[in-house]
């Protein structure tokens, strides 16, 4: 009897692995999304003590099947993360609850505050009972500055590859099959302008966990904290 139970378990595991490999449209409710996120309020917030930005408007995952992450070359990332998945993607500011159509998918934006310095996209997806493998996540945040802040660098860690734009300009690309490490990639020196700055990101992954962390670093290597996040 024990032998047949073990065989049945092995068969179920094999079927699940095959489904993940061939279809990717796998869901797992897993831990509650409340373990990782809270709903954002109307008031502006500041970065955390290390300068990490925790407030983001996140789009439910876009279906983008990839059997592995080795294909995430610079050219692949520019082509597949730089493309417009829906009209107005690079110009409109998404609102909480707003819905868009990507192919046959109807996806919703969620304005969230991460409880951790890194934004757990994998748990964002599982918490909403959405697919979490073979996907693209889109993220947007609005940064307010009381004055120009010159000579800063956008600093990002992501799992897996990602592409980032500040005020409509491509600012940083992280390619390859990578794990998220804080400050893994840094942009050239840029200026956060006085007033409103819009930061957009796209993260792609095949199998595995997905997350990212973002902050700005000043010319002395210190985190920029004198900004507000809307």
C-alpha atoms as a PDB file:
ATOM      1  CA  UNK A   1       0.000   0.000   0.000  1.00  0.00           C
ATOM      2  CA  UNK A   2       2.818   2.370   0.954  1.00  0.00           C
ATOM      3  CA  UNK A   3       4.503   1.620  -2.367  1.00  0.00           C
ATOM      4  CA  UNK A   4       1.380   2.578  -4.351  1.00  0.00           C
ATOM      5  CA  UNK A   5       0.926   5.808  -2.331  1.00  0.00           C
ATOM      6  CA  UNK A   6       4.498   6.829  -3.081  1.00  0.00           C
ATOM      7  CA  UNK A   7       3.958   6.041  -6.773  1.00  0.00           C
ATOM      8  CA  UNK A   8       0.786   8.163  -6.816  1.00  0.00           C
ATOM      9  CA  UNK A   9       2.545  11.099  -5.167  1.00  0.00           C
ATOM     10  CA  UNK A  10       5.418  10.841  -7.651  1.00  0.00           C
ATOM     11  CA  UNK A  11       2.953  10.772 -10.536  1.00  0.00           C
ATOM     12  CA  UNK A  12       1.132  13.872  -9.270  1.00  0.00           C
ATOM     13  CA  UNK A  13       4.426  15.712  -8.853  1.00  0.00           C
ATOM     14  CA  UNK A  14       5.453  14.716 -12.363  1.00  0.00           C
ATOM     15  CA  UNK A  15       2.161  15.944 -13.811  1.00  0.00           C
ATOM     16  CA  UNK A  16       2.477  19.246 -11.963  1.00  0.00           C
ATOM     17  CA  UNK A  17       6.048  19.747 -13.200  1.00  0.00           C
ATOM     18  CA  UNK A  18       4.974  18.934 -16.754  1.00  0.00           C
ATOM     19  CA  UNK A  19       2.111  21.431 -16.534  1.00  0.00           C
ATOM     20  CA  UNK A  20       4.457  24.119 -15.301  1.00  0.00           C
ATOM     21  CA  UNK A  21       6.997  23.370 -18.032  1.00  0.00           C
ATOM     22  CA  UNK A  22       4.571  23.174 -20.924  1.00  0.00           C
ATOM     23  CA  UNK A  23       1.806  25.565 -19.975  1.00  0.00           C
ATOM     24  CA  UNK A  24       3.044  27.846 -17.194  1.00  0.00           C
ATOM     25  CA  UNK A  25      -0.544  28.825 -16.332  1.00  0.00           C
ATOM     26  CA  UNK A  26      -0.162  27.444 -12.846  1.00  0.00           C
ATOM     27  CA  UNK A  27      -1.553  29.039  -9.723  1.00  0.00           C
ATOM     28  CA  UNK A  28      -0.842  28.455  -6.055  1.00  0.00           C
ATOM     29  CA  UNK A  29      -2.554  30.606  -3.466  1.00  0.00           C
ATOM     30  CA  UNK A  30       0.302  30.109  -1.027  1.00  0.00           C
ATOM     31  CA  UNK A  31       0.744  32.625   1.835  1.00  0.00           C
ATOM     32  CA  UNK A  32      -1.688  35.515   2.048  1.00  0.00           C
ATOM     33  CA  UNK A  33      -0.770  38.625   0.094  1.00  0.00           C
ATOM     34  CA  UNK A  34      -1.226  40.498   3.397  1.00  0.00           C
ATOM     35  CA  UNK A  35       2.058  38.984   4.554  1.00  0.00           C
ATOM     36  CA  UNK A  36       3.905  41.036   1.944  1.00  0.00           C
ATOM     37  CA  UNK A  37       1.765  44.037   0.964  1.00  0.00           C
ATOM     38  CA  UNK A  38      -0.664  46.604   2.311  1.00  0.00           C
ATOM     39  CA  UNK A  39      -3.013  48.786   0.308  1.00  0.00           C
ATOM     40  CA  UNK A  40      -1.460  52.180  -0.369  1.00  0.00           C
ATOM     41  CA  UNK A  41      -3.056  55.264   1.163  1.00  0.00           C
ATOM     42  CA  UNK A  42      -3.668  58.661  -0.447  1.00  0.00           C
ATOM     43  CA  UNK A  43      -0.887  60.305   1.557  1.00  0.00           C
ATOM     44  CA  UNK A  44       2.639  60.432   0.189  1.00  0.00           C
ATOM     45  CA  UNK A  45       5.279  58.257   1.820  1.00  0.00           C
ATOM     46  CA  UNK A  46       9.057  58.446   2.068  1.00  0.00           C
ATOM     47  CA  UNK A  47      11.591  55.761   1.175  1.00  0.00           C
ATOM     48  CA  UNK A  48      12.561  53.455   4.033  1.00  0.00           C
ATOM     49  CA  UNK A  49      15.669  53.981   6.172  1.00  0.00           C
ATOM     50  CA  UNK A  50      17.874  52.457   3.471  1.00  0.00           C
ATOM     51  CA  UNK A  51      16.289  54.531   0.726  1.00  0.00           C
ATOM     52  CA  UNK A  52      14.302  51.692  -0.860  1.00  0.00           C
ATOM     53  CA  UNK A  53      11.053  52.630  -2.581  1.00  0.00           C
ATOM     54  CA  UNK A  54       8.220  50.452  -1.320  1.00  0.00           C
ATOM     55  CA  UNK A  55       5.151  52.057  -2.926  1.00  0.00           C
ATOM     56  CA  UNK A  56       4.285  50.786  -6.402  1.00  0.00           C
ATOM     57  CA  UNK A  57       1.332  50.381  -8.708  1.00  0.00           C
ATOM     58  CA  UNK A  58       1.679  46.815 -10.007  1.00  0.00           C
ATOM     59  CA  UNK A  59      -0.073  45.194 -12.955  1.00  0.00           C
ATOM     60  CA  UNK A  60      -1.231  41.612 -12.675  1.00  0.00           C
ATOM     61  CA  UNK A  61       1.225  39.335 -14.524  1.00  0.00           C
ATOM     62  CA  UNK A  62       1.269  39.328 -18.318  1.00  0.00           C
ATOM     63  CA  UNK A  63       1.498  35.861 -19.870  1.00  0.00           C
ATOM     64  CA  UNK A  64       4.953  35.489 -21.484  1.00  0.00           C
ATOM     65  CA  UNK A  65       5.963  31.806 -21.674  1.00  0.00           C
ATOM     66  CA  UNK A  66       9.694  31.053 -21.426  1.00  0.00           C
ATOM     67  CA  UNK A  67      11.022  27.612 -20.530  1.00  0.00           C
ATOM     68  CA  UNK A  68      14.197  29.115 -19.130  1.00  0.00           C
ATOM     69  CA  UNK A  69      15.863  32.413 -18.344  1.00  0.00           C
ATOM     70  CA  UNK A  70      18.995  32.028 -20.450  1.00  0.00           C
ATOM     71  CA  UNK A  71      17.284  33.803 -23.358  1.00  0.00           C
ATOM     72  CA  UNK A  72      17.232  37.116 -21.471  1.00  0.00           C
ATOM     73  CA  UNK A  73      19.965  38.831 -23.480  1.00  0.00           C
ATOM     74  CA  UNK A  74      20.174  42.611 -23.852  1.00  0.00           C
ATOM     75  CA  UNK A  75      18.505  42.477 -27.266  1.00  0.00           C
ATOM     76  CA  UNK A  76      15.743  40.145 -26.040  1.00  0.00           C
ATOM     77  CA  UNK A  77      14.998  42.400 -23.069  1.00  0.00           C
ATOM     78  CA  UNK A  78      14.907  45.543 -25.197  1.00  0.00           C
ATOM     79  CA  UNK A  79      12.541  43.881 -27.662  1.00  0.00           C
ATOM     80  CA  UNK A  80      10.145  42.163 -25.257  1.00  0.00           C
ATOM     81  CA  UNK A  81      10.143  44.571 -22.329  1.00  0.00           C
ATOM     82  CA  UNK A  82      10.418  47.672 -24.492  1.00  0.00           C
ATOM     83  CA  UNK A  83       7.315  46.768 -26.503  1.00  0.00           C
ATOM     84  CA  UNK A  84       3.907  48.301 -25.859  1.00  0.00           C
ATOM     85  CA  UNK A  85       1.577  45.643 -24.455  1.00  0.00           C
ATOM     86  CA  UNK A  86      -1.408  47.996 -24.366  1.00  0.00           C
ATOM     87  CA  UNK A  87      -2.165  51.494 -25.609  1.00  0.00           C
ATOM     88  CA  UNK A  88      -0.820  54.237 -23.385  1.00  0.00           C
ATOM     89  CA  UNK A  89       1.489  51.923 -21.446  1.00  0.00           C
ATOM     90  CA  UNK A  90       4.373  54.399 -21.464  1.00  0.00           C
ATOM     91  CA  UNK A  91       2.393  57.602 -21.065  1.00  0.00           C
ATOM     92  CA  UNK A  92      -0.581  57.084 -18.768  1.00  0.00           C
ATOM     93  CA  UNK A  93      -0.319  56.910 -14.991  1.00  0.00           C
ATOM     94  CA  UNK A  94      -2.209  53.790 -13.890  1.00  0.00           C
ATOM     95  CA  UNK A  95      -4.798  54.078 -11.138  1.00  0.00           C
ATOM     96  CA  UNK A  96      -5.602  51.533  -8.487  1.00  0.00           C
ATOM     97  CA  UNK A  97      -8.265  49.172  -9.834  1.00  0.00           C
ATOM     98  CA  UNK A  98      -7.838  50.305 -13.431  1.00  0.00           C
ATOM     99  CA  UNK A  99      -8.052  47.470 -15.966  1.00  0.00           C
ATOM    100  CA  UNK A 100      -6.278  46.943 -19.275  1.00  0.00           C
ATOM    101  CA  UNK A 101      -6.443  44.272 -21.949  1.00  0.00           C
ATOM    102  CA  UNK A 102      -3.278  42.506 -23.074  1.00  0.00           C
ATOM    103  CA  UNK A 103      -4.108  40.056 -25.830  1.00  0.00           C
ATOM    104  CA  UNK A 104      -6.832  37.849 -24.357  1.00  0.00           C
ATOM    105  CA  UNK A 105      -5.973  38.794 -20.787  1.00  0.00           C
ATOM    106  CA  UNK A 106      -7.884  41.369 -18.746  1.00  0.00           C
ATOM    107  CA  UNK A 107      -5.490  42.623 -16.073  1.00  0.00           C
ATOM    108  CA  UNK A 108      -5.882  45.003 -13.156  1.00  0.00           C
ATOM    109  CA  UNK A 109      -3.518  47.521 -11.560  1.00  0.00           C
ATOM    110  CA  UNK A 110      -2.984  47.372  -7.790  1.00  0.00           C
ATOM    111  CA  UNK A 111      -1.518  50.227  -5.755  1.00  0.00           C
ATOM    112  CA  UNK A 112       0.483  48.576  -2.991  1.00  0.00           C
ATOM    113  CA  UNK A 113       3.017  49.262  -0.260  1.00  0.00           C
ATOM    114  CA  UNK A 114       5.559  46.492   0.178  1.00  0.00           C
ATOM    115  CA  UNK A 115       6.198  45.408   3.759  1.00  0.00           C
ATOM    116  CA  UNK A 116       9.752  44.487   2.758  1.00  0.00           C
ATOM    117  CA  UNK A 117      12.489  46.471   1.051  1.00  0.00           C
ATOM    118  CA  UNK A 118      12.118  44.147  -1.920  1.00  0.00           C
ATOM    119  CA  UNK A 119       8.839  43.859  -3.787  1.00  0.00           C
ATOM    120  CA  UNK A 120       7.825  40.192  -3.814  1.00  0.00           C
ATOM    121  CA  UNK A 121       6.270  39.875  -7.270  1.00  0.00           C
ATOM    122  CA  UNK A 122       5.985  36.098  -6.917  1.00  0.00           C
ATOM    123  CA  UNK A 123       3.839  36.529  -3.793  1.00  0.00           C
ATOM    124  CA  UNK A 124       1.918  39.374  -5.397  1.00  0.00           C
ATOM    125  CA  UNK A 125       0.912  36.892  -8.124  1.00  0.00           C
ATOM    126  CA  UNK A 126       0.191  33.922  -5.874  1.00  0.00           C
ATOM    127  CA  UNK A 127      -1.659  36.123  -3.395  1.00  0.00           C
ATOM    128  CA  UNK A 128      -4.032  37.163  -6.182  1.00  0.00           C
ATOM    129  CA  UNK A 129      -4.224  33.559  -7.437  1.00  0.00           C
ATOM    130  CA  UNK A 130      -2.566  34.517 -10.729  1.00  0.00           C
ATOM    131  CA  UNK A 131       0.057  32.674 -12.747  1.00  0.00           C
ATOM    132  CA  UNK A 132       3.579  33.181 -11.506  1.00  0.00           C
ATOM    133  CA  UNK A 133       5.810  31.451 -14.085  1.00  0.00           C
ATOM    134  CA  UNK A 134       6.411  32.637 -17.636  1.00  0.00           C
ATOM    135  CA  UNK A 135       5.343  36.199 -16.948  1.00  0.00           C
ATOM    136  CA  UNK A 136       6.080  39.917 -17.269  1.00  0.00           C
ATOM    137  CA  UNK A 137       5.329  42.292 -14.399  1.00  0.00           C
ATOM    138  CA  UNK A 138       4.893  46.035 -14.933  1.00  0.00           C
ATOM    139  CA  UNK A 139       5.496  48.486 -12.084  1.00  0.00           C
ATOM    140  CA  UNK A 140       5.056  52.260 -11.833  1.00  0.00           C
ATOM    141  CA  UNK A 141       5.738  54.784  -9.086  1.00  0.00           C
ATOM    142  CA  UNK A 142       5.672  58.581  -8.828  1.00  0.00           C
ATOM    143  CA  UNK A 143       8.504  60.429  -7.105  1.00  0.00           C
ATOM    144  CA  UNK A 144       8.167  64.016  -5.920  1.00  0.00           C
ATOM    145  CA  UNK A 145      11.172  66.289  -5.272  1.00  0.00           C
ATOM    146  CA  UNK A 146      11.239  69.742  -3.697  1.00  0.00           C
ATOM    147  CA  UNK A 147      14.250  70.651  -5.859  1.00  0.00           C
ATOM    148  CA  UNK A 148      16.471  69.133  -8.530  1.00  0.00           C
ATOM    149  CA  UNK A 149      18.634  66.323  -7.159  1.00  0.00           C
ATOM    150  CA  UNK A 150      21.585  65.964  -9.528  1.00  0.00           C
ATOM    151  CA  UNK A 151      24.210  63.237  -9.981  1.00  0.00           C
ATOM    152  CA  UNK A 152      22.187  60.364  -8.566  1.00  0.00           C
ATOM    153  CA  UNK A 153      22.055  56.818  -9.875  1.00  0.00           C
ATOM    154  CA  UNK A 154      19.078  54.509 -10.181  1.00  0.00           C
ATOM    155  CA  UNK A 155      20.042  51.336  -8.309  1.00  0.00           C
ATOM    156  CA  UNK A 156      18.109  48.119  -8.936  1.00  0.00           C
ATOM    157  CA  UNK A 157      18.186  44.449  -8.098  1.00  0.00           C
ATOM    158  CA  UNK A 158      15.756  42.122  -9.856  1.00  0.00           C
ATOM    159  CA  UNK A 159      14.849  38.490 -10.354  1.00  0.00           C
ATOM    160  CA  UNK A 160      15.034  37.878 -13.192  1.00  0.00           C
ATOM    161  CA  UNK A 161      15.839  40.415 -15.941  1.00  0.00           C
ATOM    162  CA  UNK A 162      14.360  43.915 -15.954  1.00  0.00           C
ATOM    163  CA  UNK A 163      14.211  47.236 -17.809  1.00  0.00           C
ATOM    164  CA  UNK A 164      13.635  50.665 -16.221  1.00  0.00           C
ATOM    165  CA  UNK A 165      12.584  54.107 -17.474  1.00  0.00           C
ATOM    166  CA  UNK A 166      12.713  57.445 -15.666  1.00  0.00           C
ATOM    167  CA  UNK A 167      10.530  60.207 -17.104  1.00  0.00           C
ATOM    168  CA  UNK A 168      10.179  58.296 -20.359  1.00  0.00           C
ATOM    169  CA  UNK A 169      13.912  57.716 -20.864  1.00  0.00           C
ATOM    170  CA  UNK A 170      15.390  54.216 -20.758  1.00  0.00           C
ATOM    171  CA  UNK A 171      17.643  54.368 -17.714  1.00  0.00           C
ATOM    172  CA  UNK A 172      18.795  50.880 -16.698  1.00  0.00           C
ATOM    173  CA  UNK A 173      18.776  47.352 -18.121  1.00  0.00           C
ATOM    174  CA  UNK A 174      19.528  44.193 -16.146  1.00  0.00           C
ATOM    175  CA  UNK A 175      19.761  41.176 -18.445  1.00  0.00           C
ATOM    176  CA  UNK A 176      20.450  37.482 -17.968  1.00  0.00           C
ATOM    177  CA  UNK A 177      19.237  34.878 -15.511  1.00  0.00           C
ATOM    178  CA  UNK A 178      19.883  36.654 -12.229  1.00  0.00           C
ATOM    179  CA  UNK A 179      18.859  36.559  -8.617  1.00  0.00           C
ATOM    180  CA  UNK A 180      17.813  39.724  -6.851  1.00  0.00           C
ATOM    181  CA  UNK A 181      20.714  41.433  -5.099  1.00  0.00           C
ATOM    182  CA  UNK A 182      20.422  44.987  -3.796  1.00  0.00           C
ATOM    183  CA  UNK A 183      22.335  47.500  -5.950  1.00  0.00           C
ATOM    184  CA  UNK A 184      23.049  44.790  -8.528  1.00  0.00           C
ATOM    185  CA  UNK A 185      22.830  47.320 -11.351  1.00  0.00           C
ATOM    186  CA  UNK A 186      23.276  51.086 -11.385  1.00  0.00           C
ATOM    187  CA  UNK A 187      22.492  53.647 -14.055  1.00  0.00           C
ATOM    188  CA  UNK A 188      24.726  56.443 -15.232  1.00  0.00           C
ATOM    189  CA  UNK A 189      24.423  59.729 -13.312  1.00  0.00           C
ATOM    190  CA  UNK A 190      20.982  61.267 -13.759  1.00  0.00           C
ATOM    191  CA  UNK A 191      18.914  64.102 -12.266  1.00  0.00           C
ATOM    192  CA  UNK A 192      15.682  63.784 -10.338  1.00  0.00           C
ATOM    193  CA  UNK A 193      13.926  66.946 -11.387  1.00  0.00           C
ATOM    194  CA  UNK A 194      11.991  69.303  -9.133  1.00  0.00           C
ATOM    195  CA  UNK A 195       8.342  68.257  -9.022  1.00  0.00           C
ATOM    196  CA  UNK A 196       7.032  64.971 -10.390  1.00  0.00           C
ATOM    197  CA  UNK A 197       9.198  62.125 -11.724  1.00  0.00           C
ATOM    198  CA  UNK A 198       7.682  58.912 -13.103  1.00  0.00           C
ATOM    199  CA  UNK A 199       9.625  55.670 -12.738  1.00  0.00           C
ATOM    200  CA  UNK A 200       8.466  52.623 -14.694  1.00  0.00           C
ATOM    201  CA  UNK A 201       9.852  49.107 -14.634  1.00  0.00           C
ATOM    202  CA  UNK A 202       9.255  45.755 -16.305  1.00  0.00           C
ATOM    203  CA  UNK A 203      10.449  42.455 -14.844  1.00  0.00           C
ATOM    204  CA  UNK A 204      10.438  39.182 -16.778  1.00  0.00           C
ATOM    205  CA  UNK A 205      10.843  35.628 -15.528  1.00  0.00           C
ATOM    206  CA  UNK A 206      10.365  32.083 -16.738  1.00  0.00           C
ATOM    207  CA  UNK A 207      10.605  29.608 -13.854  1.00  0.00           C
ATOM    208  CA  UNK A 208      11.577  30.661 -10.356  1.00  0.00           C
ATOM    209  CA  UNK A 209      10.929  33.484  -7.923  1.00  0.00           C
ATOM    210  CA  UNK A 210      10.311  37.083  -9.032  1.00  0.00           C
ATOM    211  CA  UNK A 211      11.057  40.258  -7.089  1.00  0.00           C
ATOM    212  CA  UNK A 212      12.899  43.577  -7.270  1.00  0.00           C
ATOM    213  CA  UNK A 213      14.267  46.368  -5.105  1.00  0.00           C
ATOM    214  CA  UNK A 214      14.851  49.978  -6.154  1.00  0.00           C
ATOM    215  CA  UNK A 215      16.496  53.041  -4.661  1.00  0.00           C
ATOM    216  CA  UNK A 216      18.515  56.058  -5.743  1.00  0.00           C
ATOM    217  CA  UNK A 217      22.140  56.508  -4.676  1.00  0.00           C
ATOM    218  CA  UNK A 218      23.827  59.930  -4.469  1.00  0.00           C
ATOM    219  CA  UNK A 219      27.323  60.831  -5.650  1.00  0.00           C
ATOM    220  CA  UNK A 220      28.761  59.852  -2.251  1.00  0.00           C
ATOM    221  CA  UNK A 221      27.166  56.411  -2.338  1.00  0.00           C
ATOM    222  CA  UNK A 222      24.436  57.261   0.158  1.00  0.00           C
ATOM    223  CA  UNK A 223      20.748  56.403  -0.369  1.00  0.00           C
ATOM    224  CA  UNK A 224      18.543  59.299  -1.480  1.00  0.00           C
ATOM    225  CA  UNK A 225      15.791  59.770   1.091  1.00  0.00           C
ATOM    226  CA  UNK A 226      14.690  63.395   0.664  1.00  0.00           C
ATOM    227  CA  UNK A 227      11.971  62.429  -1.819  1.00  0.00           C
ATOM    228  CA  UNK A 228       8.284  61.559  -1.524  1.00  0.00           C
ATOM    229  CA  UNK A 229       6.455  58.661  -3.185  1.00  0.00           C
ATOM    230  CA  UNK A 230       2.898  59.173  -4.415  1.00  0.00           C
END
